Amino acid sequence: MDSASLTPYLASSEYIDWHSENVQQQSKALTRGLTTDTDKARACFTFVREDIAHSWDYQRNPVTCKASDVLHHKTGYCYAKSHLLAALLRAAGIPAGLCYQRLTIGNTPPFCLHGLNAVYLKEFGWHRIDARGNKAGVTAEFCPPHESLAFPIVTPGEADLAEIWAEPLPIITECLTTHKTWQGVAENLPDISQGEQG
């Protein structure tokens, strides 16, 4: 893949604000002494998966959206955690994007989006990773080229959305910036029907 096509996946922006001092410092601390992009990406992934509490799992406020806020408060929904992971990777010079799945909660409708990442590794190309946080029945690992995501697609209507976005979907950022508590987000989880994700 040519470098120009990867440029959007290295940008600092409103929500993937890797130019923020705390994000840059954390990225440098995580990747110090590591020589390959794969090892650096693994370190960033493990930090976000293990050290950033999933808002629903821990029933924790505040609701975060910007990568720098997720890092500061050490909490976020899957979407926010994916913003932080993208920012940490981009700060290390590694192209990273955002991916989504459309899932059920408990294998029955309604549906909602789940946020995860794709990282571009020279050895493997684009590789999807999911740092939402492991718990009983939910396990995701960093093991390229094998993909190990938190949630399989099992119920009719669920889907892996194929796109790799450079920026969060507006429906995601609107949800995270409108609702002020983890309960508010949980009661209004974003969803899009098939064909709306363009």
Protein backbone atom coordinates (compact mmCIF):
# COMPACT_ATOMS: atom_id res chain seq x y z
CA MET A 1 0.00 0.00 0.00
CA ASP A 2 1.41 3.40 -0.98
CA SER A 3 2.21 5.95 1.71
CA ALA A 4 -0.28 8.52 0.40
CA SER A 5 -3.22 6.18 0.94
CA LEU A 6 -2.10 5.64 4.53
CA THR A 7 -1.80 9.36 5.33
CA PRO A 8 -5.37 9.73 6.71
CA TYR A 9 -4.65 6.87 9.10
CA LEU A 10 -1.76 8.81 10.64
CA ALA A 11 -3.57 12.11 11.15
CA SER A 12 -4.27 13.80 14.47
CA SER A 13 -7.85 15.04 14.66
CA GLU A 14 -10.57 16.15 17.06
CA TYR A 15 -11.24 12.71 18.50
CA ILE A 16 -8.02 10.89 17.60
CA ASP A 17 -5.97 13.71 19.06
CA TRP A 18 -2.56 12.10 19.22
CA HIS A 19 -0.85 15.49 19.22
CA SER A 20 -2.08 15.84 22.81
CA GLU A 21 0.85 15.75 25.21
CA ASN A 22 -0.52 12.94 27.36
CA VAL A 23 -1.12 10.69 24.34
CA GLN A 24 2.35 11.34 22.95
CA GLN A 25 3.99 10.64 26.30
CA GLN A 26 2.03 7.44 26.81
CA SER A 27 2.83 6.20 23.31
CA LYS A 28 6.53 6.88 23.79
CA ALA A 29 6.51 5.13 27.17
CA LEU A 30 4.78 2.06 25.76
CA THR A 31 7.01 1.72 22.71
CA ARG A 32 10.37 2.71 24.19
CA GLY A 33 13.02 0.16 23.29
CA LEU A 34 10.80 -1.71 20.83
CA THR A 35 12.05 -1.93 17.26
CA THR A 36 9.22 -3.39 15.17
CA ASP A 37 5.80 -1.96 14.43
CA THR A 38 4.26 -5.28 15.43
CA ASP A 39 5.83 -5.15 18.89
CA LYS A 40 4.89 -1.50 19.31
CA ALA A 41 1.30 -2.20 18.24
CA ARG A 42 1.09 -5.13 20.67
CA ALA A 43 2.24 -2.91 23.54
CA CYS A 44 -0.35 -0.24 22.73
CA PHE A 45 -3.11 -2.82 22.31
CA THR A 46 -2.33 -4.51 25.60
CA PHE A 47 -2.31 -1.20 27.47
CA VAL A 48 -5.72 -0.12 26.14
CA ARG A 49 -7.26 -3.56 26.66
CA GLU A 50 -5.92 -4.00 30.19
CA ASP A 51 -5.50 -0.52 31.67
CA ILE A 52 -8.50 1.38 30.30
CA ALA A 53 -11.73 0.30 32.00
CA HIS A 54 -14.69 -0.44 29.75
CA SER A 55 -17.44 1.94 30.86
CA TRP A 56 -20.17 -0.70 30.83
CA ASP A 57 -18.13 -3.44 32.50
CA TYR A 58 -17.09 -1.16 35.35
CA GLN A 59 -20.17 1.12 35.31
CA ARG A 60 -17.83 4.08 35.30
CA ASN A 61 -18.22 7.75 34.44
CA PRO A 62 -17.43 10.12 32.83
CA VAL A 63 -18.38 9.25 29.27
CA THR A 64 -15.29 9.83 27.14
CA CYS A 65 -14.80 10.27 23.41
CA LYS A 66 -11.52 12.07 22.66
CA ALA A 67 -8.45 9.86 22.91
CA SER A 68 -6.79 12.25 25.34
CA ASP A 69 -9.84 12.18 27.62
CA VAL A 70 -10.01 8.40 27.52
CA LEU A 71 -6.38 8.28 28.62
CA HIS A 72 -6.86 10.93 31.30
CA HIS A 73 -9.91 9.31 32.89
CA LYS A 74 -8.77 5.71 32.18
CA THR A 75 -12.26 4.71 31.04
CA GLY A 76 -14.34 4.51 27.89
CA TYR A 77 -16.85 2.51 25.90
CA CYS A 78 -15.43 0.30 23.13
CA TYR A 79 -15.70 3.22 20.69
CA ALA A 80 -13.70 5.55 22.91
CA LYS A 81 -11.12 2.86 23.63
CA SER A 82 -10.68 2.42 19.86
CA HIS A 83 -10.09 6.18 19.52
CA LEU A 84 -7.32 5.96 22.12
CA LEU A 85 -5.70 2.91 20.55
CA ALA A 86 -5.71 4.58 17.15
CA ALA A 87 -4.14 7.69 18.68
CA LEU A 88 -1.40 5.76 20.50
CA LEU A 89 -0.55 3.84 17.33
CA ARG A 90 -0.53 6.96 15.15
CA ALA A 91 1.68 8.74 17.68
CA ALA A 92 4.15 5.88 17.17
CA GLY A 93 4.01 6.36 13.41
CA ILE A 94 1.85 3.28 12.81
CA PRO A 95 -1.23 3.70 10.57
CA ALA A 96 -4.42 2.84 12.41
CA GLY A 97 -8.11 3.04 11.61
CA LEU A 98 -11.51 2.35 13.11
CA CYS A 99 -13.73 -0.62 12.37
CA TYR A 100 -17.22 -1.58 13.46
CA GLN A 101 -19.36 -4.63 13.91
CA ARG A 102 -23.14 -4.65 14.10
CA LEU A 103 -24.05 -6.93 16.98
CA THR A 104 -26.90 -7.95 19.22
CA ILE A 105 -26.78 -7.85 22.99
CA GLY A 106 -27.38 -11.39 24.21
CA ASN A 107 -27.89 -12.80 20.69
CA THR A 108 -31.31 -11.18 20.20
CA PRO A 109 -32.24 -7.79 18.70
CA PRO A 110 -32.01 -4.85 19.07
CA PHE A 111 -28.69 -4.28 17.37
CA CYS A 112 -25.89 -1.86 18.15
CA LEU A 113 -22.48 -1.01 16.80
CA HIS A 114 -19.28 -2.28 18.41
CA GLY A 115 -16.06 -0.35 17.89
CA LEU A 116 -12.64 -1.86 17.25
CA ASN A 117 -9.49 -1.06 15.27
CA ALA A 118 -7.43 -2.00 12.27
CA VAL A 119 -3.68 -1.48 12.32
CA TYR A 120 -1.45 -1.49 9.25
CA LEU A 121 1.58 -3.69 9.81
CA LYS A 122 4.21 -3.98 7.10
CA GLU A 123 4.46 -7.74 7.62
CA PHE A 124 0.75 -8.44 7.42
CA GLY A 125 -1.10 -5.47 5.90
CA TRP A 126 -4.31 -4.35 7.59
CA HIS A 127 -5.10 -6.40 10.69
CA ARG A 128 -8.17 -6.00 12.93
CA ILE A 129 -7.71 -5.88 16.70
CA ASP A 130 -10.22 -5.43 19.51
CA ALA A 131 -9.09 -3.83 22.78
CA ARG A 132 -12.55 -3.54 24.41
CA GLY A 133 -11.32 -5.55 27.39
CA ASN A 134 -11.56 -9.23 28.23
CA LYS A 135 -14.01 -10.70 30.73
CA ALA A 136 -15.85 -13.97 31.23
CA GLY A 137 -16.98 -15.14 27.79
CA VAL A 138 -15.17 -12.33 25.96
CA THR A 139 -11.57 -12.78 24.85
CA ALA A 140 -9.59 -10.86 22.24
CA GLU A 141 -5.87 -11.16 21.62
CA PHE A 142 -3.13 -9.54 19.54
CA CYS A 143 -1.81 -12.38 17.41
CA PRO A 144 -1.30 -11.35 13.77
CA PRO A 145 -1.86 -12.66 11.21
CA HIS A 146 -4.56 -14.55 13.11
CA GLU A 147 -7.57 -12.41 13.96
CA SER A 148 -8.86 -12.75 17.52
CA LEU A 149 -11.82 -10.44 18.15
CA ALA A 150 -14.08 -10.14 21.17
CA PHE A 151 -17.32 -11.06 19.42
CA PRO A 152 -18.15 -13.55 16.65
CA ILE A 153 -20.94 -12.92 14.17
CA VAL A 154 -23.61 -15.45 15.12
CA THR A 155 -27.12 -13.95 14.84
CA PRO A 156 -28.93 -13.06 11.58
CA GLY A 157 -28.60 -9.32 11.08
CA GLU A 158 -25.20 -9.12 12.76
CA ALA A 159 -22.34 -8.13 10.48
CA ASP A 160 -18.69 -7.22 10.19
CA LEU A 161 -18.61 -3.85 8.45
CA ALA A 162 -15.80 -4.11 5.93
CA GLU A 163 -14.69 -0.49 5.91
CA ILE A 164 -11.67 0.88 7.75
CA TRP A 165 -12.48 4.46 8.70
CA ALA A 166 -9.84 7.10 9.39
CA GLU A 167 -12.28 8.95 11.66
CA PRO A 168 -15.13 7.84 13.94
CA LEU A 169 -18.62 7.63 12.50
CA PRO A 170 -20.66 10.72 13.40
CA ILE A 171 -23.34 8.56 15.04
CA ILE A 172 -20.65 7.33 17.45
CA THR A 173 -19.29 10.72 18.44
CA GLU A 174 -22.81 12.14 18.73
CA CYS A 175 -23.77 9.38 21.18
CA LEU A 176 -20.64 9.80 23.29
CA THR A 177 -20.83 13.59 23.44
CA THR A 178 -24.60 13.81 24.00
CA HIS A 179 -25.02 11.35 26.87
CA LYS A 180 -23.26 12.24 30.11
CA THR A 181 -23.40 8.93 31.98
CA TRP A 182 -22.52 5.34 31.17
CA GLN A 183 -26.18 4.47 31.71
CA GLY A 184 -27.24 7.09 29.18
CA VAL A 185 -24.97 5.61 26.55
CA ALA A 186 -26.10 2.06 27.40
CA GLU A 187 -29.74 3.08 26.82
CA ASN A 188 -28.94 4.74 23.48
CA LEU A 189 -26.27 2.57 21.86
CA PRO A 190 -25.72 3.64 18.26
CA ASP A 191 -26.80 1.45 15.35
CA ILE A 192 -26.94 1.69 11.60
CA SER A 193 -28.81 -0.59 9.23
CA GLN A 194 -26.98 -2.36 6.44
CA GLY A 195 -26.16 0.04 3.60
CA GLU A 196 -26.02 3.13 5.81
CA GLN A 197 -22.35 2.89 6.72
CA GLY A 198 -20.93 4.70 3.70
